[in-house]
Amino acid sequence: HEVHVAYQTSGNIAVHDYDALRFIE
């Protein structure tokens, strides 16, 4: 089947600050 997945929201509030800092680094 021709499957499309659509992520409705960004989910950006559900990320720990330390994970964000790790990616910035």
mmCIF file of all heavy atoms, coordinates in Angstrom:
data_MODEL
# 
_entry.id   MODEL 
# 
loop_
_atom_site.group_PDB 
_atom_site.id 
_atom_site.type_symbol 
_atom_site.label_atom_id 
_atom_site.label_alt_id 
_atom_site.label_comp_id 
_atom_site.label_asym_id 
_atom_site.label_entity_id 
_atom_site.label_seq_id 
_atom_site.pdbx_PDB_ins_code 
_atom_site.Cartn_x 
_atom_site.Cartn_y 
_atom_site.Cartn_z 
_atom_site.occupancy 
_atom_site.B_iso_or_equiv 
_atom_site.pdbx_formal_charge 
_atom_site.auth_seq_id 
_atom_site.auth_comp_id 
_atom_site.auth_asym_id 
_atom_site.auth_atom_id 
_atom_site.pdbx_PDB_model_num 
ATOM 1   N N   . HIS A 1 1  ? 0.829  -1.196 0.000  1.00 0.00 ? 1  HIS A N   1 
ATOM 2   C CA  . HIS A 1 1  ? 0.000  0.000  0.000  1.00 0.00 ? 1  HIS A CA  1 
ATOM 3   C C   . HIS A 1 1  ? 0.874  1.261  0.000  1.00 0.00 ? 1  HIS A C   1 
ATOM 4   O O   . HIS A 1 1  ? 2.013  1.249  0.482  1.00 0.00 ? 1  HIS A O   1 
ATOM 5   C CB  . HIS A 1 1  ? -0.925 0.006  1.220  1.00 0.00 ? 1  HIS A CB  1 
ATOM 6   C CG  . HIS A 1 1  ? -1.834 -1.177 1.273  1.00 0.00 ? 1  HIS A CG  1 
ATOM 7   N ND1 . HIS A 1 1  ? -2.920 -1.321 0.437  1.00 0.00 ? 1  HIS A ND1 1 
ATOM 8   C CD2 . HIS A 1 1  ? -1.803 -2.299 2.044  1.00 0.00 ? 1  HIS A CD2 1 
ATOM 9   C CE1 . HIS A 1 1  ? -3.522 -2.466 0.701  1.00 0.00 ? 1  HIS A CE1 1 
ATOM 10  N NE2 . HIS A 1 1  ? -2.865 -3.089 1.670  1.00 0.00 ? 1  HIS A NE2 1 
ATOM 11  N N   . GLU A 1 2  ? 0.338  2.327  -0.546 1.00 0.00 ? 2  GLU A N   1 
ATOM 12  C CA  . GLU A 1 2  ? 1.047  3.615  -0.560 1.00 0.00 ? 2  GLU A CA  1 
ATOM 13  C C   . GLU A 1 2  ? 0.752  4.330  0.768  1.00 0.00 ? 2  GLU A C   1 
ATOM 14  O O   . GLU A 1 2  ? -0.250 5.018  0.910  1.00 0.00 ? 2  GLU A O   1 
ATOM 15  C CB  . GLU A 1 2  ? 0.585  4.481  -1.732 1.00 0.00 ? 2  GLU A CB  1 
ATOM 16  C CG  . GLU A 1 2  ? 1.307  5.823  -1.833 1.00 0.00 ? 2  GLU A CG  1 
ATOM 17  C CD  . GLU A 1 2  ? 0.669  6.740  -2.853 1.00 0.00 ? 2  GLU A CD  1 
ATOM 18  O OE1 . GLU A 1 2  ? 0.293  6.251  -3.946 1.00 0.00 ? 2  GLU A OE1 1 
ATOM 19  O OE2 . GLU A 1 2  ? 0.529  7.952  -2.550 1.00 0.00 ? 2  GLU A OE2 1 
ATOM 20  N N   . VAL A 1 3  ? 1.633  4.145  1.736  1.00 0.00 ? 3  VAL A N   1 
ATOM 21  C CA  . VAL A 1 3  ? 1.409  4.633  3.099  1.00 0.00 ? 3  VAL A CA  1 
ATOM 22  C C   . VAL A 1 3  ? 2.080  5.989  3.289  1.00 0.00 ? 3  VAL A C   1 
ATOM 23  O O   . VAL A 1 3  ? 3.256  6.168  2.953  1.00 0.00 ? 3  VAL A O   1 
ATOM 24  C CB  . VAL A 1 3  ? 1.944  3.631  4.142  1.00 0.00 ? 3  VAL A CB  1 
ATOM 25  C CG1 . VAL A 1 3  ? 1.723  4.159  5.563  1.00 0.00 ? 3  VAL A CG1 1 
ATOM 26  C CG2 . VAL A 1 3  ? 1.273  2.272  3.973  1.00 0.00 ? 3  VAL A CG2 1 
ATOM 27  N N   . HIS A 1 4  ? 1.324  6.921  3.813  1.00 0.00 ? 4  HIS A N   1 
ATOM 28  C CA  . HIS A 1 4  ? 1.852  8.228  4.204  1.00 0.00 ? 4  HIS A CA  1 
ATOM 29  C C   . HIS A 1 4  ? 1.643  8.389  5.702  1.00 0.00 ? 4  HIS A C   1 
ATOM 30  O O   . HIS A 1 4  ? 0.536  8.147  6.207  1.00 0.00 ? 4  HIS A O   1 
ATOM 31  C CB  . HIS A 1 4  ? 1.122  9.362  3.482  1.00 0.00 ? 4  HIS A CB  1 
ATOM 32  C CG  . HIS A 1 4  ? 1.315  9.364  2.000  1.00 0.00 ? 4  HIS A CG  1 
ATOM 33  N ND1 . HIS A 1 4  ? 2.206  10.217 1.368  1.00 0.00 ? 4  HIS A ND1 1 
ATOM 34  C CD2 . HIS A 1 4  ? 0.726  8.620  1.025  1.00 0.00 ? 4  HIS A CD2 1 
ATOM 35  C CE1 . HIS A 1 4  ? 2.161  9.997  0.068  1.00 0.00 ? 4  HIS A CE1 1 
ATOM 36  N NE2 . HIS A 1 4  ? 1.267  9.032  -0.173 1.00 0.00 ? 4  HIS A NE2 1 
ATOM 37  N N   . VAL A 1 5  ? 2.681  8.796  6.426  1.00 0.00 ? 5  VAL A N   1 
ATOM 38  C CA  . VAL A 1 5  ? 2.515  9.084  7.840  1.00 0.00 ? 5  VAL A CA  1 
ATOM 39  C C   . VAL A 1 5  ? 2.576  10.595 8.033  1.00 0.00 ? 5  VAL A C   1 
ATOM 40  O O   . VAL A 1 5  ? 3.435  11.275 7.457  1.00 0.00 ? 5  VAL A O   1 
ATOM 41  C CB  . VAL A 1 5  ? 3.563  8.362  8.715  1.00 0.00 ? 5  VAL A CB  1 
ATOM 42  C CG1 . VAL A 1 5  ? 4.972  8.791  8.376  1.00 0.00 ? 5  VAL A CG1 1 
ATOM 43  C CG2 . VAL A 1 5  ? 3.288  8.578  10.197 1.00 0.00 ? 5  VAL A CG2 1 
ATOM 44  N N   . ALA A 1 6  ? 1.623  11.124 8.799  1.00 0.00 ? 6  ALA A N   1 
ATOM 45  C CA  . ALA A 1 6  ? 1.545  12.568 9.038  1.00 0.00 ? 6  ALA A CA  1 
ATOM 46  C C   . ALA A 1 6  ? 1.643  12.814 10.536 1.00 0.00 ? 6  ALA A C   1 
ATOM 47  O O   . ALA A 1 6  ? 0.749  12.420 11.299 1.00 0.00 ? 6  ALA A O   1 
ATOM 48  C CB  . ALA A 1 6  ? 0.240  13.139 8.490  1.00 0.00 ? 6  ALA A CB  1 
ATOM 49  N N   . TYR A 1 7  ? 2.729  13.443 10.959 1.00 0.00 ? 7  TYR A N   1 
ATOM 50  C CA  . TYR A 1 7  ? 2.923  13.770 12.377 1.00 0.00 ? 7  TYR A CA  1 
ATOM 51  C C   . TYR A 1 7  ? 2.247  15.112 12.643 1.00 0.00 ? 7  TYR A C   1 
ATOM 52  O O   . TYR A 1 7  ? 2.673  16.150 12.147 1.00 0.00 ? 7  TYR A O   1 
ATOM 53  C CB  . TYR A 1 7  ? 4.413  13.801 12.710 1.00 0.00 ? 7  TYR A CB  1 
ATOM 54  C CG  . TYR A 1 7  ? 5.061  12.456 12.468 1.00 0.00 ? 7  TYR A CG  1 
ATOM 55  C CD1 . TYR A 1 7  ? 5.834  12.220 11.328 1.00 0.00 ? 7  TYR A CD1 1 
ATOM 56  C CD2 . TYR A 1 7  ? 4.858  11.402 13.349 1.00 0.00 ? 7  TYR A CD2 1 
ATOM 57  C CE1 . TYR A 1 7  ? 6.390  10.972 11.083 1.00 0.00 ? 7  TYR A CE1 1 
ATOM 58  C CE2 . TYR A 1 7  ? 5.416  10.153 13.117 1.00 0.00 ? 7  TYR A CE2 1 
ATOM 59  C CZ  . TYR A 1 7  ? 6.181  9.943  11.982 1.00 0.00 ? 7  TYR A CZ  1 
ATOM 60  O OH  . TYR A 1 7  ? 6.723  8.713  11.749 1.00 0.00 ? 7  TYR A OH  1 
ATOM 61  N N   . GLN A 1 8  ? 1.174  15.070 13.420 1.00 0.00 ? 8  GLN A N   1 
ATOM 62  C CA  . GLN A 1 8  ? 0.313  16.241 13.553 1.00 0.00 ? 8  GLN A CA  1 
ATOM 63  C C   . GLN A 1 8  ? 0.941  17.363 14.368 1.00 0.00 ? 8  GLN A C   1 
ATOM 64  O O   . GLN A 1 8  ? 0.701  18.535 14.104 1.00 0.00 ? 8  GLN A O   1 
ATOM 65  C CB  . GLN A 1 8  ? -1.034 15.823 14.157 1.00 0.00 ? 8  GLN A CB  1 
ATOM 66  C CG  . GLN A 1 8  ? -1.858 14.935 13.222 1.00 0.00 ? 8  GLN A CG  1 
ATOM 67  C CD  . GLN A 1 8  ? -3.088 14.393 13.894 1.00 0.00 ? 8  GLN A CD  1 
ATOM 68  O OE1 . GLN A 1 8  ? -3.041 13.378 14.576 1.00 0.00 ? 8  GLN A OE1 1 
ATOM 69  N NE2 . GLN A 1 8  ? -4.218 15.074 13.718 1.00 0.00 ? 8  GLN A NE2 1 
ATOM 70  N N   . THR A 1 9  ? 1.700  17.015 15.401 1.00 0.00 ? 9  THR A N   1 
ATOM 71  C CA  . THR A 1 9  ? 2.336  18.051 16.225 1.00 0.00 ? 9  THR A CA  1 
ATOM 72  C C   . THR A 1 9  ? 3.838  17.823 16.283 1.00 0.00 ? 9  THR A C   1 
ATOM 73  O O   . THR A 1 9  ? 4.332  16.727 16.005 1.00 0.00 ? 9  THR A O   1 
ATOM 74  C CB  . THR A 1 9  ? 1.769  18.056 17.659 1.00 0.00 ? 9  THR A CB  1 
ATOM 75  O OG1 . THR A 1 9  ? 2.256  16.896 18.369 1.00 0.00 ? 9  THR A OG1 1 
ATOM 76  C CG2 . THR A 1 9  ? 0.247  18.054 17.651 1.00 0.00 ? 9  THR A CG2 1 
ATOM 77  N N   . SER A 1 10 ? 4.538  18.862 16.686 1.00 0.00 ? 10 SER A N   1 
ATOM 78  C CA  . SER A 1 10 ? 6.001  18.783 16.748 1.00 0.00 ? 10 SER A CA  1 
ATOM 79  C C   . SER A 1 10 ? 6.488  17.964 17.930 1.00 0.00 ? 10 SER A C   1 
ATOM 80  O O   . SER A 1 10 ? 7.588  17.403 17.889 1.00 0.00 ? 10 SER A O   1 
ATOM 81  C CB  . SER A 1 10 ? 6.594  20.191 16.847 1.00 0.00 ? 10 SER A CB  1 
ATOM 82  O OG  . SER A 1 10 ? 6.233  20.801 18.089 1.00 0.00 ? 10 SER A OG  1 
ATOM 83  N N   . GLY A 1 11 ? 5.697  17.897 19.011 1.00 0.00 ? 11 GLY A N   1 
ATOM 84  C CA  . GLY A 1 11 ? 6.144  17.187 20.205 1.00 0.00 ? 11 GLY A CA  1 
ATOM 85  C C   . GLY A 1 11 ? 7.307  17.859 20.894 1.00 0.00 ? 11 GLY A C   1 
ATOM 86  O O   . GLY A 1 11 ? 8.004  17.243 21.709 1.00 0.00 ? 11 GLY A O   1 
ATOM 87  N N   . ASN A 1 12 ? 7.523  19.153 20.602 1.00 0.00 ? 12 ASN A N   1 
ATOM 88  C CA  . ASN A 1 12 ? 8.755  19.800 21.068 1.00 0.00 ? 12 ASN A CA  1 
ATOM 89  C C   . ASN A 1 12 ? 8.814  20.060 22.569 1.00 0.00 ? 12 ASN A C   1 
ATOM 90  O O   . ASN A 1 12 ? 9.891  20.305 23.102 1.00 0.00 ? 12 ASN A O   1 
ATOM 91  C CB  . ASN A 1 12 ? 9.006  21.111 20.299 1.00 0.00 ? 12 ASN A CB  1 
ATOM 92  C CG  . ASN A 1 12 ? 7.839  22.083 20.394 1.00 0.00 ? 12 ASN A CG  1 
ATOM 93  O OD1 . ASN A 1 12 ? 6.978  21.997 21.266 1.00 0.00 ? 12 ASN A OD1 1 
ATOM 94  N ND2 . ASN A 1 12 ? 7.800  23.031 19.461 1.00 0.00 ? 12 ASN A ND2 1 
ATOM 95  N N   . ILE A 1 13 ? 7.675  19.996 23.264 1.00 0.00 ? 13 ILE A N   1 
ATOM 96  C CA  . ILE A 1 13 ? 7.758  20.215 24.712 1.00 0.00 ? 13 ILE A CA  1 
ATOM 97  C C   . ILE A 1 13 ? 8.159  18.944 25.450 1.00 0.00 ? 13 ILE A C   1 
ATOM 98  O O   . ILE A 1 13 ? 8.463  18.987 26.646 1.00 0.00 ? 13 ILE A O   1 
ATOM 99  C CB  . ILE A 1 13 ? 6.436  20.742 25.299 1.00 0.00 ? 13 ILE A CB  1 
ATOM 100 C CG1 . ILE A 1 13 ? 5.321  19.700 25.173 1.00 0.00 ? 13 ILE A CG1 1 
ATOM 101 C CG2 . ILE A 1 13 ? 6.028  22.053 24.639 1.00 0.00 ? 13 ILE A CG2 1 
ATOM 102 C CD1 . ILE A 1 13 ? 4.107  20.027 26.011 1.00 0.00 ? 13 ILE A CD1 1 
ATOM 103 N N   . ALA A 1 14 ? 8.156  17.810 24.752 1.00 0.00 ? 14 ALA A N   1 
ATOM 104 C CA  . ALA A 1 14 ? 8.441  16.529 25.393 1.00 0.00 ? 14 ALA A CA  1 
ATOM 105 C C   . ALA A 1 14 ? 9.880  16.092 25.159 1.00 0.00 ? 14 ALA A C   1 
ATOM 106 O O   . ALA A 1 14 ? 10.155 14.923 24.868 1.00 0.00 ? 14 ALA A O   1 
ATOM 107 C CB  . ALA A 1 14 ? 7.468  15.467 24.903 1.00 0.00 ? 14 ALA A CB  1 
ATOM 108 N N   . VAL A 1 15 ? 10.804 17.027 25.246 1.00 0.00 ? 15 VAL A N   1 
ATOM 109 C CA  . VAL A 1 15 ? 12.231 16.735 25.122 1.00 0.00 ? 15 VAL A CA  1 
ATOM 110 C C   . VAL A 1 15 ? 12.937 17.357 26.321 1.00 0.00 ? 15 VAL A C   1 
ATOM 111 O O   . VAL A 1 15 ? 12.712 18.530 26.648 1.00 0.00 ? 15 VAL A O   1 
ATOM 112 C CB  . VAL A 1 15 ? 12.822 17.304 23.813 1.00 0.00 ? 15 VAL A CB  1 
ATOM 113 C CG1 . VAL A 1 15 ? 14.328 17.060 23.750 1.00 0.00 ? 15 VAL A CG1 1 
ATOM 114 C CG2 . VAL A 1 15 ? 12.139 16.679 22.601 1.00 0.00 ? 15 VAL A CG2 1 
ATOM 115 N N   . HIS A 1 16 ? 13.745 16.575 26.998 1.00 0.00 ? 16 HIS A N   1 
ATOM 116 C CA  . HIS A 1 16 ? 14.483 17.087 28.155 1.00 0.00 ? 16 HIS A CA  1 
ATOM 117 C C   . HIS A 1 16 ? 15.484 18.160 27.722 1.00 0.00 ? 16 HIS A C   1 
ATOM 118 O O   . HIS A 1 16 ? 16.043 18.101 26.615 1.00 0.00 ? 16 HIS A O   1 
ATOM 119 C CB  . HIS A 1 16 ? 15.236 15.952 28.851 1.00 0.00 ? 16 HIS A CB  1 
ATOM 120 C CG  . HIS A 1 16 ? 14.348 14.979 29.564 1.00 0.00 ? 16 HIS A CG  1 
ATOM 121 N ND1 . HIS A 1 16 ? 13.632 15.313 30.690 1.00 0.00 ? 16 HIS A ND1 1 
ATOM 122 C CD2 . HIS A 1 16 ? 14.065 13.666 29.311 1.00 0.00 ? 16 HIS A CD2 1 
ATOM 123 C CE1 . HIS A 1 16 ? 12.945 14.261 31.113 1.00 0.00 ? 16 HIS A CE1 1 
ATOM 124 N NE2 . HIS A 1 16 ? 13.189 13.255 30.287 1.00 0.00 ? 16 HIS A NE2 1 
ATOM 125 N N   . ASP A 1 17 ? 15.719 19.114 28.601 1.00 0.00 ? 17 ASP A N   1 
ATOM 126 C CA  . ASP A 1 17 ? 16.689 20.170 28.302 1.00 0.00 ? 17 ASP A CA  1 
ATOM 127 C C   . ASP A 1 17 ? 18.073 19.604 28.028 1.00 0.00 ? 17 ASP A C   1 
ATOM 128 O O   . ASP A 1 17 ? 18.804 20.100 27.164 1.00 0.00 ? 17 ASP A O   1 
ATOM 129 C CB  . ASP A 1 17 ? 16.756 21.167 29.464 1.00 0.00 ? 17 ASP A CB  1 
ATOM 130 C CG  . ASP A 1 17 ? 15.494 22.002 29.594 1.00 0.00 ? 17 ASP A CG  1 
ATOM 131 O OD1 . ASP A 1 17 ? 14.700 22.018 28.632 1.00 0.00 ? 17 ASP A OD1 1 
ATOM 132 O OD2 . ASP A 1 17 ? 15.306 22.635 30.647 1.00 0.00 ? 17 ASP A OD2 1 
ATOM 133 N N   . TYR A 1 18 ? 18.461 18.538 28.760 1.00 0.00 ? 18 TYR A N   1 
ATOM 134 C CA  . TYR A 1 18 ? 19.804 17.993 28.557 1.00 0.00 ? 18 TYR A CA  1 
ATOM 135 C C   . TYR A 1 18 ? 19.953 17.364 27.177 1.00 0.00 ? 18 TYR A C   1 
ATOM 136 O O   . TYR A 1 18 ? 21.051 17.344 26.606 1.00 0.00 ? 18 TYR A O   1 
ATOM 137 C CB  . TYR A 1 18 ? 20.186 17.016 29.670 1.00 0.00 ? 18 TYR A CB  1 
ATOM 138 C CG  . TYR A 1 18 ? 19.247 15.855 29.889 1.00 0.00 ? 18 TYR A CG  1 
ATOM 139 C CD1 . TYR A 1 18 ? 19.189 14.778 29.009 1.00 0.00 ? 18 TYR A CD1 1 
ATOM 140 C CD2 . TYR A 1 18 ? 18.434 15.813 31.023 1.00 0.00 ? 18 TYR A CD2 1 
ATOM 141 C CE1 . TYR A 1 18 ? 18.341 13.712 29.230 1.00 0.00 ? 18 TYR A CE1 1 
ATOM 142 C CE2 . TYR A 1 18 ? 17.577 14.747 31.257 1.00 0.00 ? 18 TYR A CE2 1 
ATOM 143 C CZ  . TYR A 1 18 ? 17.537 13.699 30.361 1.00 0.00 ? 18 TYR A CZ  1 
ATOM 144 O OH  . TYR A 1 18 ? 16.690 12.641 30.579 1.00 0.00 ? 18 TYR A OH  1 
ATOM 145 N N   . ASP A 1 19 ? 18.842 16.852 26.622 1.00 0.00 ? 19 ASP A N   1 
ATOM 146 C CA  . ASP A 1 19 ? 18.910 16.327 25.256 1.00 0.00 ? 19 ASP A CA  1 
ATOM 147 C C   . ASP A 1 19 ? 19.109 17.460 24.254 1.00 0.00 ? 19 ASP A C   1 
ATOM 148 O O   . ASP A 1 19 ? 19.875 17.333 23.287 1.00 0.00 ? 19 ASP A O   1 
ATOM 149 C CB  . ASP A 1 19 ? 17.629 15.564 24.912 1.00 0.00 ? 19 ASP A CB  1 
ATOM 150 C CG  . ASP A 1 19 ? 17.652 14.131 25.419 1.00 0.00 ? 19 ASP A CG  1 
ATOM 151 O OD1 . ASP A 1 19 ? 18.739 13.542 25.453 1.00 0.00 ? 19 ASP A OD1 1 
ATOM 152 O OD2 . ASP A 1 19 ? 16.585 13.610 25.778 1.00 0.00 ? 19 ASP A OD2 1 
ATOM 153 N N   . ALA A 1 20 ? 18.409 18.571 24.484 1.00 0.00 ? 20 ALA A N   1 
ATOM 154 C CA  . ALA A 1 20 ? 18.571 19.722 23.588 1.00 0.00 ? 20 ALA A CA  1 
ATOM 155 C C   . ALA A 1 20 ? 20.000 20.238 23.645 1.00 0.00 ? 20 ALA A C   1 
ATOM 156 O O   . ALA A 1 20 ? 20.609 20.547 22.606 1.00 0.00 ? 20 ALA A O   1 
ATOM 157 C CB  . ALA A 1 20 ? 17.593 20.825 23.977 1.00 0.00 ? 20 ALA A CB  1 
ATOM 158 N N   . LEU A 1 21 ? 20.549 20.333 24.860 1.00 0.00 ? 21 LEU A N   1 
ATOM 159 C CA  . LEU A 1 21 ? 21.927 20.815 25.011 1.00 0.00 ? 21 LEU A CA  1 
ATOM 160 C C   . LEU A 1 21 ? 22.906 19.875 24.319 1.00 0.00 ? 21 LEU A C   1 
ATOM 161 O O   . LEU A 1 21 ? 23.868 20.319 23.673 1.00 0.00 ? 21 LEU A O   1 
ATOM 162 C CB  . LEU A 1 21 ? 22.268 20.940 26.499 1.00 0.00 ? 21 LEU A CB  1 
ATOM 163 C CG  . LEU A 1 21 ? 23.665 21.467 26.825 1.00 0.00 ? 21 LEU A CG  1 
ATOM 164 C CD1 . LEU A 1 21 ? 23.865 22.864 26.242 1.00 0.00 ? 21 LEU A CD1 1 
ATOM 165 C CD2 . LEU A 1 21 ? 23.892 21.483 28.334 1.00 0.00 ? 21 LEU A CD2 1 
ATOM 166 N N   . ARG A 1 22 ? 22.669 18.585 24.428 1.00 0.00 ? 22 ARG A N   1 
ATOM 167 C CA  . ARG A 1 22 ? 23.550 17.609 23.783 1.00 0.00 ? 22 ARG A CA  1 
ATOM 168 C C   . ARG A 1 22 ? 23.587 17.805 22.272 1.00 0.00 ? 22 ARG A C   1 
ATOM 169 O O   . ARG A 1 22 ? 24.644 17.718 21.634 1.00 0.00 ? 22 ARG A O   1 
ATOM 170 C CB  . ARG A 1 22 ? 23.055 16.202 24.137 1.00 0.00 ? 22 ARG A CB  1 
ATOM 171 C CG  . ARG A 1 22 ? 23.886 15.065 23.593 1.00 0.00 ? 22 ARG A CG  1 
ATOM 172 C CD  . ARG A 1 22 ? 23.614 13.788 24.380 1.00 0.00 ? 22 ARG A CD  1 
ATOM 173 N NE  . ARG A 1 22 ? 22.204 13.431 24.336 1.00 0.00 ? 22 ARG A NE  1 
ATOM 174 C CZ  . ARG A 1 22 ? 21.680 12.629 23.403 1.00 0.00 ? 22 ARG A CZ  1 
ATOM 175 N NH1 . ARG A 1 22 ? 22.448 12.143 22.441 1.00 0.00 ? 22 ARG A NH1 1 
ATOM 176 N NH2 . ARG A 1 22 ? 20.404 12.316 23.427 1.00 0.00 ? 22 ARG A NH2 1 
ATOM 177 N N   . PHE A 1 23 ? 22.434 18.084 21.673 1.00 0.00 ? 23 PHE A N   1 
ATOM 178 C CA  . PHE A 1 23 ? 22.376 18.292 20.224 1.00 0.00 ? 23 PHE A CA  1 
ATOM 179 C C   . PHE A 1 23 ? 22.989 19.636 19.827 1.00 0.00 ? 23 PHE A C   1 
ATOM 180 O O   . PHE A 1 23 ? 23.609 19.749 18.769 1.00 0.00 ? 23 PHE A O   1 
ATOM 181 C CB  . PHE A 1 23 ? 20.937 18.174 19.737 1.00 0.00 ? 23 PHE A CB  1 
ATOM 182 C CG  . PHE A 1 23 ? 20.528 16.764 19.431 1.00 0.00 ? 23 PHE A CG  1 
ATOM 183 C CD1 . PHE A 1 23 ? 20.160 15.899 20.456 1.00 0.00 ? 23 PHE A CD1 1 
ATOM 184 C CD2 . PHE A 1 23 ? 20.553 16.277 18.136 1.00 0.00 ? 23 PHE A CD2 1 
ATOM 185 C CE1 . PHE A 1 23 ? 19.800 14.589 20.186 1.00 0.00 ? 23 PHE A CE1 1 
ATOM 186 C CE2 . PHE A 1 23 ? 20.192 14.968 17.861 1.00 0.00 ? 23 PHE A CE2 1 
ATOM 187 C CZ  . PHE A 1 23 ? 19.821 14.111 18.888 1.00 0.00 ? 23 PHE A CZ  1 
ATOM 188 N N   . ILE A 1 24 ? 22.827 20.641 20.664 1.00 0.00 ? 24 ILE A N   1 
ATOM 189 C CA  . ILE A 1 24 ? 23.479 21.925 20.388 1.00 0.00 ? 24 ILE A CA  1 
ATOM 190 C C   . ILE A 1 24 ? 24.985 21.735 20.375 1.00 0.00 ? 24 ILE A C   1 
ATOM 191 O O   . ILE A 1 24 ? 25.698 22.221 19.475 1.00 0.00 ? 24 ILE A O   1 
ATOM 192 C CB  . ILE A 1 24 ? 23.070 22.976 21.447 1.00 0.00 ? 24 ILE A CB  1 
ATOM 193 C CG1 . ILE A 1 24 ? 21.596 23.356 21.274 1.00 0.00 ? 24 ILE A CG1 1 
ATOM 194 C CG2 . ILE A 1 24 ? 23.956 24.227 21.336 1.00 0.00 ? 24 ILE A CG2 1 
ATOM 195 C CD1 . ILE A 1 24 ? 21.056 24.199 22.409 1.00 0.00 ? 24 ILE A CD1 1 
ATOM 196 N N   . GLU A 1 25 ? 25.498 21.007 21.364 1.00 0.00 ? 25 GLU A N   1 
ATOM 197 C CA  . GLU A 1 25 ? 26.944 20.756 21.441 1.00 0.00 ? 25 GLU A CA  1 
ATOM 198 C C   . GLU A 1 25 ? 27.430 19.955 20.236 1.00 0.00 ? 25 GLU A C   1 
ATOM 199 O O   . GLU A 1 25 ? 28.515 20.212 19.695 1.00 0.00 ? 25 GLU A O   1 
ATOM 200 C CB  . GLU A 1 25 ? 27.266 20.019 22.741 1.00 0.00 ? 25 GLU A CB  1 
ATOM 201 C CG  . GLU A 1 25 ? 27.080 20.889 23.975 1.00 0.00 ? 25 GLU A CG  1 
ATOM 202 C CD  . GLU A 1 25 ? 27.181 20.097 25.268 1.00 0.00 ? 25 GLU A CD  1 
ATOM 203 O OE1 . GLU A 1 25 ? 27.088 18.849 25.223 1.00 0.00 ? 25 GLU A OE1 1 
ATOM 204 O OE2 . GLU A 1 25 ? 27.343 20.725 26.326 1.00 0.00 ? 25 GLU A OE2 1 
# 
